[in-house]
Amino acid sequence: MNWRNLTTGATGTTVLRAERPVDFSRPIAPDERCRYTPATVGTGSGTVVATADVNAHVLPPASDRWPQVPVNPGFGSFPVP
């Protein structure tokens, strides 16, 4: 995730880490296939825009990967108090 505070000009990047299912003894439900650990960033007050660039992060070693549902790039803007 890349973000920019349009009010202050501050910018930053954070990586959302994929969560692996804990229980492989049962079928994995569709809503459990693509979960990510939340990340908190200090953007400061103002209007913030964020973009999701799914190709920017280097993949972990194959032993640490697990199948993920493809995610499309996206963007959004929101006010931060």
N, C-alpha and C. Protein backbone atom coordinates (compact mmCIF):
# COMPACT_ATOMS: atom_id res chain seq x y z
N MET A 1 0.84 -1.16 0.00
CA MET A 1 0.00 0.00 0.00
C MET A 1 0.89 1.23 0.00
N ASN A 2 0.63 2.11 -0.94
CA ASN A 2 1.31 3.40 -0.98
C ASN A 2 0.29 4.47 -0.61
N TRP A 3 0.67 5.42 0.21
CA TRP A 3 -0.27 6.46 0.61
C TRP A 3 0.38 7.84 0.54
N ARG A 4 -0.46 8.85 0.40
CA ARG A 4 -0.01 10.24 0.40
C ARG A 4 -1.07 11.09 1.09
N ASN A 5 -0.61 11.95 2.01
CA ASN A 5 -1.50 12.91 2.65
C ASN A 5 -1.48 14.15 1.77
N LEU A 6 -2.61 14.45 1.12
CA LEU A 6 -2.67 15.58 0.20
C LEU A 6 -2.60 16.92 0.93
N THR A 7 -2.92 16.93 2.21
CA THR A 7 -2.89 18.16 3.00
C THR A 7 -1.48 18.52 3.42
N THR A 8 -0.71 17.54 3.87
CA THR A 8 0.64 17.80 4.39
C THR A 8 1.76 17.42 3.43
N GLY A 9 1.46 16.58 2.45
CA GLY A 9 2.48 16.11 1.52
C GLY A 9 3.23 14.88 2.01
N ALA A 10 2.91 14.40 3.23
CA ALA A 10 3.58 13.21 3.76
C ALA A 10 3.23 11.99 2.90
N THR A 11 4.19 11.09 2.75
CA THR A 11 3.98 9.87 1.97
C THR A 11 4.55 8.67 2.71
N GLY A 12 4.13 7.50 2.29
CA GLY A 12 4.68 6.29 2.89
C GLY A 12 4.22 5.05 2.16
N THR A 13 4.80 3.94 2.55
CA THR A 13 4.48 2.64 1.97
C THR A 13 4.44 1.63 3.10
N THR A 14 3.51 0.70 3.03
CA THR A 14 3.46 -0.40 3.98
C THR A 14 3.06 -1.66 3.23
N VAL A 15 3.48 -2.80 3.75
CA VAL A 15 3.18 -4.09 3.13
C VAL A 15 2.17 -4.83 4.01
N LEU A 16 1.11 -5.32 3.41
CA LEU A 16 0.14 -6.14 4.12
C LEU A 16 0.57 -7.59 3.98
N ARG A 17 0.85 -8.25 5.07
CA ARG A 17 1.30 -9.63 5.06
C ARG A 17 0.13 -10.58 4.98
N ALA A 18 0.24 -11.58 4.12
CA ALA A 18 -0.81 -12.59 3.98
C ALA A 18 -0.86 -13.46 5.23
N GLU A 19 -2.08 -13.77 5.66
CA GLU A 19 -2.26 -14.69 6.79
C GLU A 19 -2.49 -16.09 6.26
N ARG A 20 -1.78 -17.03 6.83
CA ARG A 20 -1.96 -18.43 6.46
C ARG A 20 -3.06 -19.03 7.32
N PRO A 21 -3.86 -19.91 6.77
CA PRO A 21 -4.86 -20.60 7.59
C PRO A 21 -4.16 -21.40 8.69
N VAL A 22 -4.81 -21.49 9.83
CA VAL A 22 -4.24 -22.22 10.96
C VAL A 22 -4.59 -23.70 10.88
N ASP A 23 -5.78 -23.98 10.40
CA ASP A 23 -6.29 -25.34 10.41
C ASP A 23 -6.39 -25.89 8.99
N PHE A 24 -5.44 -26.74 8.60
CA PHE A 24 -5.47 -27.35 7.27
C PHE A 24 -6.19 -28.69 7.29
N SER A 25 -6.80 -29.06 8.42
CA SER A 25 -7.47 -30.36 8.52
C SER A 25 -8.87 -30.33 7.91
N ARG A 26 -9.35 -29.16 7.54
CA ARG A 26 -10.67 -29.02 6.93
C ARG A 26 -10.52 -28.21 5.64
N PRO A 27 -11.54 -28.26 4.77
CA PRO A 27 -11.47 -27.43 3.57
C PRO A 27 -11.40 -25.95 3.94
N ILE A 28 -10.67 -25.19 3.16
CA ILE A 28 -10.52 -23.76 3.42
C ILE A 28 -11.69 -23.02 2.78
N ALA A 29 -12.44 -22.29 3.59
CA ALA A 29 -13.59 -21.52 3.10
C ALA A 29 -13.10 -20.40 2.19
N PRO A 30 -13.91 -20.02 1.19
CA PRO A 30 -13.49 -18.95 0.26
C PRO A 30 -13.08 -17.66 0.97
N ASP A 31 -13.80 -17.29 2.05
CA ASP A 31 -13.45 -16.03 2.72
C ASP A 31 -12.17 -16.13 3.54
N GLU A 32 -11.60 -17.32 3.68
CA GLU A 32 -10.35 -17.50 4.42
C GLU A 32 -9.15 -17.61 3.48
N ARG A 33 -9.36 -17.58 2.19
CA ARG A 33 -8.27 -17.79 1.24
C ARG A 33 -7.40 -16.57 1.04
N CYS A 34 -7.92 -15.40 1.33
CA CYS A 34 -7.17 -14.19 1.04
C CYS A 34 -7.36 -13.19 2.18
N ARG A 35 -6.68 -13.44 3.28
CA ARG A 35 -6.73 -12.54 4.43
C ARG A 35 -5.35 -11.95 4.64
N TYR A 36 -5.34 -10.72 5.10
CA TYR A 36 -4.09 -10.02 5.31
C TYR A 36 -4.05 -9.43 6.72
N THR A 37 -2.87 -9.39 7.31
CA THR A 37 -2.69 -8.81 8.62
C THR A 37 -2.83 -7.29 8.48
N PRO A 38 -3.69 -6.66 9.28
CA PRO A 38 -3.84 -5.20 9.20
C PRO A 38 -2.54 -4.50 9.55
N ALA A 39 -2.36 -3.33 8.98
CA ALA A 39 -1.18 -2.51 9.28
C ALA A 39 -1.66 -1.10 9.64
N THR A 40 -1.01 -0.48 10.60
CA THR A 40 -1.34 0.88 11.00
C THR A 40 -0.20 1.80 10.57
N VAL A 41 -0.57 2.94 9.97
CA VAL A 41 0.44 3.91 9.55
C VAL A 41 0.05 5.29 10.08
N GLY A 42 1.03 6.10 10.37
CA GLY A 42 0.80 7.46 10.85
C GLY A 42 0.78 8.44 9.69
N THR A 43 -0.40 8.69 9.14
CA THR A 43 -0.51 9.57 7.97
C THR A 43 -0.62 11.03 8.35
N GLY A 44 -1.04 11.33 9.57
CA GLY A 44 -1.33 12.71 9.96
C GLY A 44 -2.73 13.08 9.49
N SER A 45 -3.23 14.22 9.96
CA SER A 45 -4.58 14.68 9.60
C SER A 45 -4.60 15.22 8.19
N GLY A 46 -5.73 15.06 7.54
CA GLY A 46 -5.92 15.61 6.20
C GLY A 46 -6.55 14.59 5.28
N THR A 47 -6.58 14.90 4.01
CA THR A 47 -7.12 13.99 3.01
C THR A 47 -6.01 13.05 2.57
N VAL A 48 -6.25 11.75 2.70
CA VAL A 48 -5.25 10.74 2.37
C VAL A 48 -5.73 9.93 1.17
N VAL A 49 -4.84 9.70 0.24
CA VAL A 49 -5.12 8.80 -0.88
C VAL A 49 -4.20 7.59 -0.73
N ALA A 50 -4.70 6.44 -1.10
CA ALA A 50 -3.91 5.21 -0.99
C ALA A 50 -4.10 4.37 -2.24
N THR A 51 -3.03 3.70 -2.65
CA THR A 51 -3.10 2.79 -3.79
C THR A 51 -2.57 1.43 -3.37
N ALA A 52 -3.18 0.40 -3.90
CA ALA A 52 -2.72 -0.97 -3.66
C ALA A 52 -2.00 -1.43 -4.92
N ASP A 53 -0.71 -1.70 -4.79
CA ASP A 53 0.11 -2.17 -5.91
C ASP A 53 0.53 -3.59 -5.59
N VAL A 54 -0.19 -4.55 -6.13
CA VAL A 54 0.03 -5.95 -5.77
C VAL A 54 1.31 -6.53 -6.36
N ASN A 55 1.93 -5.83 -7.29
CA ASN A 55 3.15 -6.34 -7.91
C ASN A 55 4.42 -5.69 -7.36
N ALA A 56 4.29 -4.75 -6.43
CA ALA A 56 5.45 -4.00 -5.96
C ALA A 56 6.29 -4.77 -4.95
N HIS A 57 5.70 -5.65 -4.19
CA HIS A 57 6.41 -6.33 -3.12
C HIS A 57 7.09 -7.59 -3.64
N VAL A 58 8.30 -7.82 -3.20
CA VAL A 58 9.03 -9.03 -3.59
C VAL A 58 8.41 -10.22 -2.87
N LEU A 59 8.18 -11.29 -3.59
CA LEU A 59 7.57 -12.48 -3.00
C LEU A 59 8.52 -13.14 -2.00
N PRO A 60 7.96 -13.72 -0.94
CA PRO A 60 8.80 -14.45 0.01
C PRO A 60 9.27 -15.75 -0.62
N PRO A 61 10.21 -16.44 0.02
CA PRO A 61 10.65 -17.74 -0.50
C PRO A 61 9.45 -18.68 -0.66
N ALA A 62 9.56 -19.60 -1.59
CA ALA A 62 8.45 -20.52 -1.89
C ALA A 62 7.95 -21.25 -0.65
N SER A 63 8.84 -21.55 0.30
CA SER A 63 8.44 -22.27 1.50
C SER A 63 7.52 -21.44 2.38
N ASP A 64 7.52 -20.11 2.24
CA ASP A 64 6.68 -19.24 3.06
C ASP A 64 5.39 -18.82 2.36
N ARG A 65 5.24 -19.19 1.10
CA ARG A 65 4.04 -18.80 0.35
C ARG A 65 2.93 -19.81 0.57
N TRP A 66 1.75 -19.36 0.33
CA TRP A 66 0.62 -20.27 0.28
C TRP A 66 -0.33 -19.68 -0.74
N PRO A 67 -1.11 -20.48 -1.44
CA PRO A 67 -1.95 -19.94 -2.52
C PRO A 67 -2.86 -18.81 -2.04
N GLN A 68 -2.85 -17.73 -2.77
CA GLN A 68 -3.69 -16.59 -2.47
C GLN A 68 -4.62 -16.33 -3.65
N VAL A 69 -5.79 -15.77 -3.36
CA VAL A 69 -6.71 -15.36 -4.41
C VAL A 69 -6.11 -14.12 -5.06
N PRO A 70 -6.10 -14.02 -6.38
CA PRO A 70 -5.55 -12.83 -7.03
C PRO A 70 -6.25 -11.56 -6.54
N VAL A 71 -5.48 -10.51 -6.33
CA VAL A 71 -6.01 -9.24 -5.87
C VAL A 71 -5.73 -8.20 -6.94
N ASN A 72 -6.75 -7.42 -7.29
CA ASN A 72 -6.58 -6.37 -8.29
C ASN A 72 -6.06 -5.11 -7.63
N PRO A 73 -5.22 -4.35 -8.34
CA PRO A 73 -4.78 -3.07 -7.81
C PRO A 73 -5.99 -2.17 -7.56
N GLY A 74 -5.87 -1.26 -6.63
CA GLY A 74 -6.99 -0.37 -6.34
C GLY A 74 -6.50 0.93 -5.72
N PHE A 75 -7.43 1.85 -5.48
CA PHE A 75 -7.09 3.13 -4.86
C PHE A 75 -8.30 3.64 -4.10
N GLY A 76 -8.06 4.61 -3.24
CA GLY A 76 -9.14 5.24 -2.50
C GLY A 76 -8.65 6.52 -1.86
N SER A 77 -9.58 7.36 -1.46
CA SER A 77 -9.24 8.57 -0.72
C SER A 77 -10.19 8.69 0.45
N PHE A 78 -9.70 9.26 1.55
CA PHE A 78 -10.53 9.38 2.74
C PHE A 78 -9.96 10.48 3.64
N PRO A 79 -10.85 11.12 4.41
CA PRO A 79 -10.39 12.14 5.36
C PRO A 79 -9.90 11.49 6.65
N VAL A 80 -8.80 11.99 7.18
CA VAL A 80 -8.26 11.52 8.45
C VAL A 80 -8.36 12.67 9.43
N PRO A 81 -9.05 12.47 10.57
CA PRO A 81 -9.21 13.58 11.53
C PRO A 81 -7.90 13.99 12.18
